[in-house]
C-alpha atoms as a PDB file:
ATOM      1  CA  MET A   1     -70.201-111.872  27.787  1.00  0.00           C
ATOM      2  CA  LYS A   2     -69.227-112.283  31.395  1.00  0.00           C
ATOM      3  CA  MET A   3     -68.056-109.907  34.090  1.00  0.00           C
ATOM      4  CA  ALA A   4     -64.929-110.273  36.200  1.00  0.00           C
ATOM      5  CA  VAL A   5     -63.827-108.446  39.328  1.00  0.00           C
ATOM      6  CA  ILE A   6     -60.305-107.584  40.524  1.00  0.00           C
ATOM      7  CA  GLY A   7     -59.823-106.410  44.094  1.00  0.00           C
ATOM      8  CA  ASP A   8     -59.079-107.331  47.660  1.00  0.00           C
ATOM      9  CA  MET A   9     -61.388-109.545  49.728  1.00  0.00           C
ATOM     10  CA  ASP A  10     -63.410-106.619  51.087  1.00  0.00           C
ATOM     11  CA  PHE A  11     -63.993-105.345  47.544  1.00  0.00           C
ATOM     12  CA  VAL A  12     -64.894-108.628  45.832  1.00  0.00           C
ATOM     13  CA  THR A  13     -67.218-109.966  48.542  1.00  0.00           C
ATOM     14  CA  GLY A  14     -70.228-107.934  47.396  1.00  0.00           C
ATOM     15  CA  PHE A  15     -69.731-109.056  43.805  1.00  0.00           C
ATOM     16  CA  MET A  16     -69.501-112.668  44.940  1.00  0.00           C
ATOM     17  CA  LEU A  17     -72.776-112.284  46.837  1.00  0.00           C
ATOM     18  CA  ALA A  18     -74.318-110.873  43.654  1.00  0.00           C
ATOM     19  CA  GLY A  19     -73.357-114.049  41.794  1.00  0.00           C
ATOM     20  CA  ILE A  20     -70.219-112.980  39.945  1.00  0.00           C
ATOM     21  CA  THR A  21     -67.974-116.022  39.730  1.00  0.00           C
ATOM     22  CA  ASP A  22     -64.951-114.658  37.858  1.00  0.00           C
ATOM     23  CA  ILE A  23     -63.189-113.168  40.864  1.00  0.00           C
ATOM     24  CA  TYR A  24     -59.517-112.232  41.066  1.00  0.00           C
ATOM     25  CA  GLU A  25     -58.760-111.663  44.729  1.00  0.00           C
ATOM     26  CA  VAL A  26     -55.553-109.684  45.076  1.00  0.00           C
ATOM     27  CA  SER A  27     -53.795-109.234  48.395  1.00  0.00           C
ATOM     28  CA  LYS A  28     -50.388-107.916  47.256  1.00  0.00           C
ATOM     29  CA  ASP A  29     -49.443-105.191  44.793  1.00  0.00           C
ATOM     30  CA  GLU A  30     -47.383-107.664  42.755  1.00  0.00           C
ATOM     31  CA  GLU A  31     -50.518-109.701  42.060  1.00  0.00           C
ATOM     32  CA  ILE A  32     -52.409-106.806  40.440  1.00  0.00           C
ATOM     33  CA  VAL A  33     -50.527-106.898  37.113  1.00  0.00           C
ATOM     34  CA  LYS A  34     -50.860-110.687  36.867  1.00  0.00           C
ATOM     35  CA  ALA A  35     -54.611-110.507  37.501  1.00  0.00           C
ATOM     36  CA  VAL A  36     -55.050-107.811  34.837  1.00  0.00           C
ATOM     37  CA  GLU A  37     -52.950-109.769  32.328  1.00  0.00           C
ATOM     38  CA  ASP A  38     -54.977-112.920  33.032  1.00  0.00           C
ATOM     39  CA  VAL A  39     -58.188-111.015  32.355  1.00  0.00           C
ATOM     40  CA  LEU A  40     -56.797-109.511  29.133  1.00  0.00           C
ATOM     41  CA  ASN A  41     -55.993-112.996  27.833  1.00  0.00           C
ATOM     42  CA  ARG A  42     -59.583-114.173  28.240  1.00  0.00           C
ATOM     43  CA  LYS A  43     -62.011-113.858  25.329  1.00  0.00           C
ATOM     44  CA  ASP A  44     -65.232-114.430  27.293  1.00  0.00           C
ATOM     45  CA  LEU A  45     -65.178-111.234  29.386  1.00  0.00           C
ATOM     46  CA  GLY A  46     -66.975-108.030  28.479  1.00  0.00           C
ATOM     47  CA  VAL A  47     -66.612-105.961  31.645  1.00  0.00           C
ATOM     48  CA  VAL A  48     -64.029-105.952  34.416  1.00  0.00           C
ATOM     49  CA  ALA A  49     -64.672-104.082  37.648  1.00  0.00           C
ATOM     50  CA  ILE A  50     -61.395-103.196  39.320  1.00  0.00           C
ATOM     51  CA  LYS A  51     -60.790-101.468  42.615  1.00  0.00           C
ATOM     52  CA  SER A  52     -59.770 -97.904  41.732  1.00  0.00           C
ATOM     53  CA  GLU A  53     -56.730 -98.019  44.025  1.00  0.00           C
ATOM     54  CA  PHE A  54     -55.449-101.036  42.111  1.00  0.00           C
ATOM     55  CA  LEU A  55     -55.908 -99.358  38.751  1.00  0.00           C
ATOM     56  CA  LYS A  56     -53.701 -96.488  39.924  1.00  0.00           C
ATOM     57  CA  LYS A  57     -50.905 -98.936  40.810  1.00  0.00           C
ATOM     58  CA  LEU A  58     -50.607-100.384  37.301  1.00  0.00           C
ATOM     59  CA  PRO A  59     -47.672 -99.469  35.042  1.00  0.00           C
ATOM     60  CA  VAL A  60     -48.407 -96.574  32.679  1.00  0.00           C
ATOM     61  CA  ALA A  61     -48.194 -98.734  29.532  1.00  0.00           C
ATOM     62  CA  LEU A  62     -50.707-101.224  30.900  1.00  0.00           C
ATOM     63  CA  LYS A  63     -53.103 -98.436  31.976  1.00  0.00           C
ATOM     64  CA  LYS A  64     -52.915 -96.994  28.468  1.00  0.00           C
ATOM     65  CA  GLU A  65     -53.742-100.382  26.960  1.00  0.00           C
ATOM     66  CA  LEU A  66     -56.768-100.700  29.237  1.00  0.00           C
ATOM     67  CA  ASP A  67     -57.992 -97.234  28.240  1.00  0.00           C
ATOM     68  CA  GLU A  68     -57.735 -98.059  24.546  1.00  0.00           C
ATOM     69  CA  ARG A  69     -59.452-101.437  24.720  1.00  0.00           C
ATOM     70  CA  VAL A  70     -63.127-101.899  24.064  1.00  0.00           C
ATOM     71  CA  GLU A  71     -63.325-105.480  25.318  1.00  0.00           C
ATOM     72  CA  PRO A  72     -63.047-106.127  28.067  1.00  0.00           C
ATOM     73  CA  THR A  73     -64.026-102.711  29.331  1.00  0.00           C
ATOM     74  CA  PHE A  74     -62.371-101.878  32.649  1.00  0.00           C
ATOM     75  CA  ILE A  75     -64.443 -99.902  35.135  1.00  0.00           C
ATOM     76  CA  ALA A  76     -62.726 -98.479  38.209  1.00  0.00           C
ATOM     77  CA  VAL A  77     -65.008 -98.770  41.229  1.00  0.00           C
ATOM     78  CA  GLY A  78     -64.630 -96.976  44.515  1.00  0.00           C
ATOM     79  CA  ALA A  79     -63.461 -93.540  43.418  1.00  0.00           C
ATOM     80  CA  THR A  80     -65.216 -90.282  42.772  1.00  0.00           C
ATOM     81  CA  GLY A  81     -66.151 -89.547  39.168  1.00  0.00           C
ATOM     82  CA  GLY A  82     -67.153 -93.137  38.420  1.00  0.00           C
ATOM     83  CA  VAL A  83     -70.203 -92.150  36.375  1.00  0.00           C
ATOM     84  CA  GLU A  84     -68.162 -89.821  34.172  1.00  0.00           C
ATOM     85  CA  GLU A  85     -65.640 -92.567  33.560  1.00  0.00           C
ATOM     86  CA  ILE A  86     -68.380 -94.988  32.544  1.00  0.00           C
ATOM     87  CA  LYS A  87     -69.881 -92.390  30.181  1.00  0.00           C
ATOM     88  CA  GLU A  88     -66.478 -91.898  28.551  1.00  0.00           C
ATOM     89  CA  LYS A  89     -65.967 -95.661  28.160  1.00  0.00           C
ATOM     90  CA  ILE A  90     -69.375 -95.980  26.474  1.00  0.00           C
ATOM     91  CA  ARG A  91     -68.587 -93.056  24.178  1.00  0.00           C
ATOM     92  CA  LYS A  92     -65.296 -94.654  23.159  1.00  0.00           C
ATOM     93  CA  ALA A  93     -66.869 -98.090  22.664  1.00  0.00           C
ATOM     94  CA  ILE A  94     -69.794 -97.053  20.473  1.00  0.00           C
ATOM     95  CA  GLY A  95     -68.657 -93.651  19.208  1.00  0.00           C
ATOM     96  CA  VAL A  96     -71.743 -91.811  20.422  1.00  0.00           C
ATOM     97  CA  GLU A  97     -72.358 -89.522  23.386  1.00  0.00           C
ATOM     98  CA  LEU A  98     -75.479 -90.939  25.073  1.00  0.00           C
ATOM     99  CA  TRP A  99     -75.860 -88.243  27.734  1.00  0.00           C
ATOM    100  CA  LYS A 100     -75.865 -84.533  26.986  1.00  0.00           C
END
């Protein structure tokens, strides 16, 4: 499984330097939904890192779909509480609480 990244140029640059090639650079709010829909239509992605500000701008129905999906797993990056969110995603995906 591959990883993709959705964000503005400042956000995606570090991921590009780390070797991630599936980059969705978004410069306008209108492009966020299209990038997320493109990612959802791909079968080769396991994890999607998305700028937390962009995740907040998505329509409610689309955010709900992302929360309910196991693959790809969307991880909001750049906000406080990121570790807790990742723990919750893992718990939902495998059905087990790994940290207590």
